[in-house]
Amino acid sequence: MSYEIAQQRIAAARRTNSSHLNLSSLGLTELPPELFDLINLRVLWLSDNQLHSLPPEIGALRQLARLRLNRKVVS
């Protein structure tokens, strides 16, 4: 369910050409590949997920100026 919520938020950001996206607190273990199509993204919140690493595709977000990763949940 959380992965689907992330995809919905990404789709909404694409429709509105948003420069900010909050994917915090979704329990994500991986990032949806659609995220890396948001080339105008400047701020991305990923706090409180279960990500162990970021994929190399994060480099496609060339406009990204802020990336929030704090409060990582460790199980």
PDB file of N, CA and C in Angstrom:
ATOM      1  N   MET A   1       0.812  -1.201   0.000  1.00  0.00           N
ATOM      2  CA  MET A   1       0.000   0.000   0.000  1.00  0.00           C
ATOM      3  C   MET A   1       0.859   1.270   0.000  1.00  0.00           C
ATOM      4  N   SER A   2       1.909   1.307   0.798  1.00  0.00           N
ATOM      5  CA  SER A   2       2.763   2.484   0.873  1.00  0.00           C
ATOM      6  C   SER A   2       3.462   2.773  -0.446  1.00  0.00           C
ATOM      7  N   TYR A   3       3.855   1.709  -1.146  1.00  0.00           N
ATOM      8  CA  TYR A   3       4.500   1.885  -2.449  1.00  0.00           C
ATOM      9  C   TYR A   3       3.528   2.557  -3.414  1.00  0.00           C
ATOM     10  N   GLU A   4       2.255   2.167  -3.347  1.00  0.00           N
ATOM     11  CA  GLU A   4       1.236   2.765  -4.209  1.00  0.00           C
ATOM     12  C   GLU A   4       1.014   4.231  -3.855  1.00  0.00           C
ATOM     13  N   ILE A   5       1.068   4.551  -2.576  1.00  0.00           N
ATOM     14  CA  ILE A   5       0.934   5.950  -2.147  1.00  0.00           C
ATOM     15  C   ILE A   5       2.087   6.765  -2.713  1.00  0.00           C
ATOM     16  N   ALA A   6       3.299   6.214  -2.648  1.00  0.00           N
ATOM     17  CA  ALA A   6       4.460   6.898  -3.218  1.00  0.00           C
ATOM     18  C   ALA A   6       4.257   7.134  -4.713  1.00  0.00           C
ATOM     19  N   GLN A   7       3.765   6.132  -5.423  1.00  0.00           N
ATOM     20  CA  GLN A   7       3.532   6.284  -6.856  1.00  0.00           C
ATOM     21  C   GLN A   7       2.476   7.356  -7.128  1.00  0.00           C
ATOM     22  N   GLN A   8       1.437   7.423  -6.298  1.00  0.00           N
ATOM     23  CA  GLN A   8       0.406   8.451  -6.458  1.00  0.00           C
ATOM     24  C   GLN A   8       0.984   9.847  -6.237  1.00  0.00           C
ATOM     25  N   ARG A   9       1.823   9.986  -5.226  1.00  0.00           N
ATOM     26  CA  ARG A   9       2.445  11.293  -4.956  1.00  0.00           C
ATOM     27  C   ARG A   9       3.385  11.700  -6.089  1.00  0.00           C
ATOM     28  N   ILE A  10       4.104  10.735  -6.628  1.00  0.00           N
ATOM     29  CA  ILE A  10       4.999  11.012  -7.753  1.00  0.00           C
ATOM     30  C   ILE A  10       4.192  11.447  -8.972  1.00  0.00           C
ATOM     31  N   ALA A  11       3.084  10.751  -9.238  1.00  0.00           N
ATOM     32  CA  ALA A  11       2.227  11.108 -10.375  1.00  0.00           C
ATOM     33  C   ALA A  11       1.658  12.515 -10.203  1.00  0.00           C
ATOM     34  N   ALA A  12       1.252  12.855  -8.990  1.00  0.00           N
ATOM     35  CA  ALA A  12       0.728  14.194  -8.729  1.00  0.00           C
ATOM     36  C   ALA A  12       1.816  15.248  -8.930  1.00  0.00           C
ATOM     37  N   ALA A  13       3.033  14.960  -8.479  1.00  0.00           N
ATOM     38  CA  ALA A  13       4.148  15.890  -8.670  1.00  0.00           C
ATOM     39  C   ALA A  13       4.444  16.078 -10.157  1.00  0.00           C
ATOM     40  N   ARG A  14       4.314  15.023 -10.922  1.00  0.00           N
ATOM     41  CA  ARG A  14       4.542  15.111 -12.367  1.00  0.00           C
ATOM     42  C   ARG A  14       3.470  15.988 -13.015  1.00  0.00           C
ATOM     43  N   ARG A  15       2.209  15.764 -12.645  1.00  0.00           N
ATOM     44  CA  ARG A  15       1.098  16.541 -13.227  1.00  0.00           C
ATOM     45  C   ARG A  15       1.228  18.031 -12.944  1.00  0.00           C
ATOM     46  N   THR A  16       1.676  18.368 -11.731  1.00  0.00           N
ATOM     47  CA  THR A  16       1.752  19.773 -11.325  1.00  0.00           C
ATOM     48  C   THR A  16       3.141  20.376 -11.547  1.00  0.00           C
ATOM     49  N   ASN A  17       4.052  19.566 -12.047  1.00  0.00           N
ATOM     50  CA  ASN A  17       5.435  20.003 -12.260  1.00  0.00           C
ATOM     51  C   ASN A  17       6.044  20.544 -10.962  1.00  0.00           C
ATOM     52  N   SER A  18       5.741  19.862  -9.870  1.00  0.00           N
ATOM     53  CA  SER A  18       6.185  20.293  -8.553  1.00  0.00           C
ATOM     54  C   SER A  18       7.696  20.172  -8.409  1.00  0.00           C
ATOM     55  N   SER A  19       8.269  21.065  -7.640  1.00  0.00           N
ATOM     56  CA  SER A  19       9.704  21.008  -7.360  1.00  0.00           C
ATOM     57  C   SER A  19       9.988  20.353  -6.012  1.00  0.00           C
ATOM     58  N   HIS A  20       8.932  20.025  -5.254  1.00  0.00           N
ATOM     59  CA  HIS A  20       9.059  19.405  -3.934  1.00  0.00           C
ATOM     60  C   HIS A  20       8.254  18.112  -3.904  1.00  0.00           C
ATOM     61  N   LEU A  21       8.795  17.116  -3.212  1.00  0.00           N
ATOM     62  CA  LEU A  21       8.081  15.846  -3.075  1.00  0.00           C
ATOM     63  C   LEU A  21       8.385  15.241  -1.710  1.00  0.00           C
ATOM     64  N   ASN A  22       7.330  14.856  -1.006  1.00  0.00           N
ATOM     65  CA  ASN A  22       7.481  14.242   0.309  1.00  0.00           C
ATOM     66  C   ASN A  22       7.069  12.772   0.235  1.00  0.00           C
ATOM     67  N   LEU A  23       8.045  11.892   0.381  1.00  0.00           N
ATOM     68  CA  LEU A  23       7.803  10.451   0.432  1.00  0.00           C
ATOM     69  C   LEU A  23       8.191   9.897   1.802  1.00  0.00           C
ATOM     70  N   SER A  24       8.170  10.754   2.808  1.00  0.00           N
ATOM     71  CA  SER A  24       8.537  10.350   4.163  1.00  0.00           C
ATOM     72  C   SER A  24       7.476   9.450   4.785  1.00  0.00           C
ATOM     73  N   SER A  25       7.924   8.625   5.717  1.00  0.00           N
ATOM     74  CA  SER A  25       7.052   7.804   6.571  1.00  0.00           C
ATOM     75  C   SER A  25       6.157   6.848   5.799  1.00  0.00           C
ATOM     76  N   LEU A  26       6.641   6.335   4.691  1.00  0.00           N
ATOM     77  CA  LEU A  26       5.864   5.374   3.906  1.00  0.00           C
ATOM     78  C   LEU A  26       6.386   3.948   4.063  1.00  0.00           C
ATOM     79  N   GLY A  27       7.464   3.770   4.809  1.00  0.00           N
ATOM     80  CA  GLY A  27       8.020   2.433   4.993  1.00  0.00           C
ATOM     81  C   GLY A  27       8.643   1.859   3.736  1.00  0.00           C
ATOM     82  N   LEU A  28       9.079   2.729   2.846  1.00  0.00           N
ATOM     83  CA  LEU A  28       9.647   2.266   1.576  1.00  0.00           C
ATOM     84  C   LEU A  28      10.963   1.533   1.787  1.00  0.00           C
ATOM     85  N   THR A  29      11.129   0.432   1.079  1.00  0.00           N
ATOM     86  CA  THR A  29      12.404  -0.287   1.070  1.00  0.00           C
ATOM     87  C   THR A  29      13.142  -0.046  -0.236  1.00  0.00           C
ATOM     88  N   GLU A  30      12.427   0.505  -1.214  1.00  0.00           N
ATOM     89  CA  GLU A  30      13.024   0.900  -2.494  1.00  0.00           C
ATOM     90  C   GLU A  30      12.229   2.070  -3.036  1.00  0.00           C
ATOM     91  N   LEU A  31      12.846   2.796  -3.942  1.00  0.00           N
ATOM     92  CA  LEU A  31      12.193   3.958  -4.537  1.00  0.00           C
ATOM     93  C   LEU A  31      11.553   3.581  -5.869  1.00  0.00           C
ATOM     94  N   PRO A  32      10.329   4.044  -6.107  1.00  0.00           N
ATOM     95  CA  PRO A  32       9.683   3.770  -7.388  1.00  0.00           C
ATOM     96  C   PRO A  32      10.496   4.394  -8.532  1.00  0.00           C
ATOM     97  N   PRO A  33      10.688   3.683  -9.615  1.00  0.00           N
ATOM     98  CA  PRO A  33      11.499   4.206 -10.721  1.00  0.00           C
ATOM     99  C   PRO A  33      10.929   5.464 -11.351  1.00  0.00           C
ATOM    100  N   GLU A  34       9.623   5.697 -11.215  1.00  0.00           N
ATOM    101  CA  GLU A  34       9.007   6.906 -11.767  1.00  0.00           C
ATOM    102  C   GLU A  34       9.569   8.176 -11.132  1.00  0.00           C
ATOM    103  N   LEU A  35      10.094   8.036  -9.929  1.00  0.00           N
ATOM    104  CA  LEU A  35      10.673   9.181  -9.228  1.00  0.00           C
ATOM    105  C   LEU A  35      11.765   9.850 -10.050  1.00  0.00           C
ATOM    106  N   PHE A  36      12.545   9.061 -10.741  1.00  0.00           N
ATOM    107  CA  PHE A  36      13.722   9.584 -11.429  1.00  0.00           C
ATOM    108  C   PHE A  36      13.385  10.309 -12.732  1.00  0.00           C
ATOM    109  N   ASP A  37      12.090  10.352 -13.075  1.00  0.00           N
ATOM    110  CA  ASP A  37      11.638  11.129 -14.228  1.00  0.00           C
ATOM    111  C   ASP A  37      11.301  12.566 -13.855  1.00  0.00           C
ATOM    112  N   LEU A  38      11.306  12.876 -12.574  1.00  0.00           N
ATOM    113  CA  LEU A  38      10.952  14.218 -12.110  1.00  0.00           C
ATOM    114  C   LEU A  38      12.173  15.132 -12.190  1.00  0.00           C
ATOM    115  N   ILE A  39      12.514  15.532 -13.386  1.00  0.00           N
ATOM    116  CA  ILE A  39      13.775  16.252 -13.619  1.00  0.00           C
ATOM    117  C   ILE A  39      13.790  17.656 -13.012  1.00  0.00           C
ATOM    118  N   ASN A  40      12.631  18.211 -12.654  1.00  0.00           N
ATOM    119  CA  ASN A  40      12.590  19.545 -12.042  1.00  0.00           C
ATOM    120  C   ASN A  40      12.553  19.492 -10.520  1.00  0.00           C
ATOM    121  N   LEU A  41      12.664  18.306  -9.964  1.00  0.00           N
ATOM    122  CA  LEU A  41      12.590  18.141  -8.515  1.00  0.00           C
ATOM    123  C   LEU A  41      13.792  18.804  -7.846  1.00  0.00           C
ATOM    124  N   ARG A  42      13.506  19.679  -6.874  1.00  0.00           N
ATOM    125  CA  ARG A  42      14.566  20.381  -6.148  1.00  0.00           C
ATOM    126  C   ARG A  42      14.679  19.922  -4.690  1.00  0.00           C
ATOM    127  N   VAL A  43      13.564  19.463  -4.115  1.00  0.00           N
ATOM    128  CA  VAL A  43      13.551  19.054  -2.711  1.00  0.00           C
ATOM    129  C   VAL A  43      12.850  17.699  -2.614  1.00  0.00           C
ATOM    130  N   LEU A  44      13.494  16.749  -1.948  1.00  0.00           N
ATOM    131  CA  LEU A  44      12.943  15.406  -1.797  1.00  0.00           C
ATOM    132  C   LEU A  44      13.098  14.966  -0.350  1.00  0.00           C
ATOM    133  N   TRP A  45      11.977  14.614   0.270  1.00  0.00           N
ATOM    134  CA  TRP A  45      11.977  14.102   1.635  1.00  0.00           C
ATOM    135  C   TRP A  45      11.784  12.589   1.600  1.00  0.00           C
ATOM    136  N   LEU A  46      12.712  11.873   2.224  1.00  0.00           N
ATOM    137  CA  LEU A  46      12.647  10.412   2.287  1.00  0.00           C
ATOM    138  C   LEU A  46      12.784   9.899   3.724  1.00  0.00           C
ATOM    139  N   SER A  47      12.611  10.769   4.691  1.00  0.00           N
ATOM    140  CA  SER A  47      12.777  10.397   6.100  1.00  0.00           C
ATOM    141  C   SER A  47      11.813   9.296   6.519  1.00  0.00           C
ATOM    142  N   ASP A  48      12.218   8.575   7.539  1.00  0.00           N
ATOM    143  CA  ASP A  48      11.379   7.546   8.171  1.00  0.00           C
ATOM    144  C   ASP A  48      10.930   6.455   7.210  1.00  0.00           C
ATOM    145  N   ASN A  49      11.816   6.032   6.352  1.00  0.00           N
ATOM    146  CA  ASN A  49      11.586   4.880   5.492  1.00  0.00           C
ATOM    147  C   ASN A  49      12.582   3.796   5.872  1.00  0.00           C
ATOM    148  N   GLN A  50      12.589   2.713   5.150  1.00  0.00           N
ATOM    149  CA  GLN A  50      13.503   1.619   5.435  1.00  0.00           C
ATOM    150  C   GLN A  50      14.451   1.405   4.267  1.00  0.00           C
ATOM    151  N   LEU A  51      14.972   2.508   3.763  1.00  0.00           N
ATOM    152  CA  LEU A  51      15.917   2.445   2.648  1.00  0.00           C
ATOM    153  C   LEU A  51      17.307   2.123   3.188  1.00  0.00           C
ATOM    154  N   HIS A  52      17.972   1.191   2.563  1.00  0.00           N
ATOM    155  CA  HIS A  52      19.327   0.831   2.978  1.00  0.00           C
ATOM    156  C   HIS A  52      20.367   1.527   2.113  1.00  0.00           C
ATOM    157  N   SER A  53      19.958   1.934   0.923  1.00  0.00           N
ATOM    158  CA  SER A  53      20.855   2.664   0.031  1.00  0.00           C
ATOM    159  C   SER A  53      20.001   3.395  -1.003  1.00  0.00           C
ATOM    160  N   LEU A  54      20.637   4.289  -1.717  1.00  0.00           N
ATOM    161  CA  LEU A  54      19.973   4.999  -2.806  1.00  0.00           C
ATOM    162  C   LEU A  54      20.508   4.448  -4.120  1.00  0.00           C
ATOM    163  N   PRO A  55      19.635   4.261  -5.090  1.00  0.00           N
ATOM    164  CA  PRO A  55      20.094   3.728  -6.380  1.00  0.00           C
ATOM    165  C   PRO A  55      20.870   4.789  -7.149  1.00  0.00           C
ATOM    166  N   PRO A  56      21.732   4.378  -8.056  1.00  0.00           N
ATOM    167  CA  PRO A  56      22.509   5.341  -8.838  1.00  0.00           C
ATOM    168  C   PRO A  56      21.633   6.276  -9.670  1.00  0.00           C
ATOM    169  N   GLU A  57      20.407   5.871  -9.953  1.00  0.00           N
ATOM    170  CA  GLU A  57      19.495   6.704 -10.740  1.00  0.00           C
ATOM    171  C   GLU A  57      19.163   8.021 -10.051  1.00  0.00           C
ATOM    172  N   ILE A  58      19.451   8.131  -8.761  1.00  0.00           N
ATOM    173  CA  ILE A  58      19.206   9.382  -8.044  1.00  0.00           C
ATOM    174  C   ILE A  58      19.972  10.524  -8.716  1.00  0.00           C
ATOM    175  N   GLY A  59      21.049  10.181  -9.397  1.00  0.00           N
ATOM    176  CA  GLY A  59      21.848  11.176 -10.118  1.00  0.00           C
ATOM    177  C   GLY A  59      21.110  11.812 -11.278  1.00  0.00           C
ATOM    178  N   ALA A  60      20.000  11.205 -11.715  1.00  0.00           N
ATOM    179  CA  ALA A  60      19.196  11.785 -12.799  1.00  0.00           C
ATOM    180  C   ALA A  60      18.472  13.042 -12.333  1.00  0.00           C
ATOM    181  N   LEU A  61      18.346  13.205 -11.020  1.00  0.00           N
ATOM    182  CA  LEU A  61      17.659  14.372 -10.465  1.00  0.00           C
ATOM    183  C   LEU A  61      18.661  15.524 -10.343  1.00  0.00           C
ATOM    184  N   ARG A  62      19.043  16.073 -11.461  1.00  0.00           N
ATOM    185  CA  ARG A  62      20.106  17.083 -11.529  1.00  0.00           C
ATOM    186  C   ARG A  62      19.783  18.391 -10.815  1.00  0.00           C
ATOM    187  N   GLN A  63      18.502  18.709 -10.669  1.00  0.00           N
ATOM    188  CA  GLN A  63      18.098  19.949 -10.004  1.00  0.00           C
ATOM    189  C   GLN A  63      17.967  19.786  -8.492  1.00  0.00           C
ATOM    190  N   LEU A  64      18.115  18.558  -8.001  1.00  0.00           N
ATOM    191  CA  LEU A  64      17.915  18.275  -6.582  1.00  0.00           C
ATOM    192  C   LEU A  64      18.925  19.045  -5.740  1.00  0.00           C
ATOM    193  N   ALA A  65      18.398  19.901  -4.865  1.00  0.00           N
ATOM    194  CA  ALA A  65      19.253  20.719  -4.000  1.00  0.00           C
ATOM    195  C   ALA A  65      19.172  20.279  -2.541  1.00  0.00           C
ATOM    196  N   ARG A  66      18.038  19.655  -2.160  1.00  0.00           N
ATOM    197  CA  ARG A  66      17.860  19.190  -0.781  1.00  0.00           C
ATOM    198  C   ARG A  66      17.308  17.782  -0.783  1.00  0.00           C
ATOM    199  N   LEU A  67      17.956  16.949   0.008  1.00  0.00           N
ATOM    200  CA  LEU A  67      17.540  15.557   0.165  1.00  0.00           C
ATOM    201  C   LEU A  67      17.522  15.251   1.654  1.00  0.00           C
ATOM    202  N   ARG A  68      16.345  14.998   2.195  1.00  0.00           N
ATOM    203  CA  ARG A  68      16.217  14.728   3.618  1.00  0.00           C
ATOM    204  C   ARG A  68      16.100  13.226   3.828  1.00  0.00           C
ATOM    205  N   LEU A  69      17.058  12.668   4.573  1.00  0.00           N
ATOM    206  CA  LEU A  69      17.114  11.226   4.823  1.00  0.00           C
ATOM    207  C   LEU A  69      17.128  10.886   6.304  1.00  0.00           C
ATOM    208  N   ASN A  70      17.016  11.848   7.175  1.00  0.00           N
ATOM    209  CA  ASN A  70      17.205  11.585   8.605  1.00  0.00           C
ATOM    210  C   ASN A  70      16.112  10.724   9.193  1.00  0.00           C
ATOM    211  N   ARG A  71      16.322  10.343  10.410  1.00  0.00           N
ATOM    212  CA  ARG A  71      15.417   9.502  11.187  1.00  0.00           C
ATOM    213  C   ARG A  71      15.165   8.164  10.520  1.00  0.00           C
ATOM    214  N   LYS A  72      16.211   7.554  10.062  1.00  0.00           N
ATOM    215  CA  LYS A  72      16.100   6.237   9.410  1.00  0.00           C
ATOM    216  C   LYS A  72      15.606   5.201  10.424  1.00  0.00           C
ATOM    217  N   VAL A  73      14.636   4.438  10.035  1.00  0.00           N
ATOM    218  CA  VAL A  73      14.106   3.378  10.883  1.00  0.00           C
ATOM    219  C   VAL A  73      14.939   2.114  10.647  1.00  0.00           C
ATOM    220  N   VAL A  74      15.499   1.596  11.711  1.00  0.00           N
ATOM    221  CA  VAL A  74      16.305   0.376  11.613  1.00  0.00           C
ATOM    222  C   VAL A  74      15.559  -0.738  12.336  1.00  0.00           C
ATOM    223  N   SER A  75      15.388  -1.857  11.660  1.00  0.00           N
ATOM    224  CA  SER A  75      14.675  -2.972  12.295  1.00  0.00           C
ATOM    225  C   SER A  75      15.621  -4.087  12.662  1.00  0.00           C
TER     226      SER A  75
END
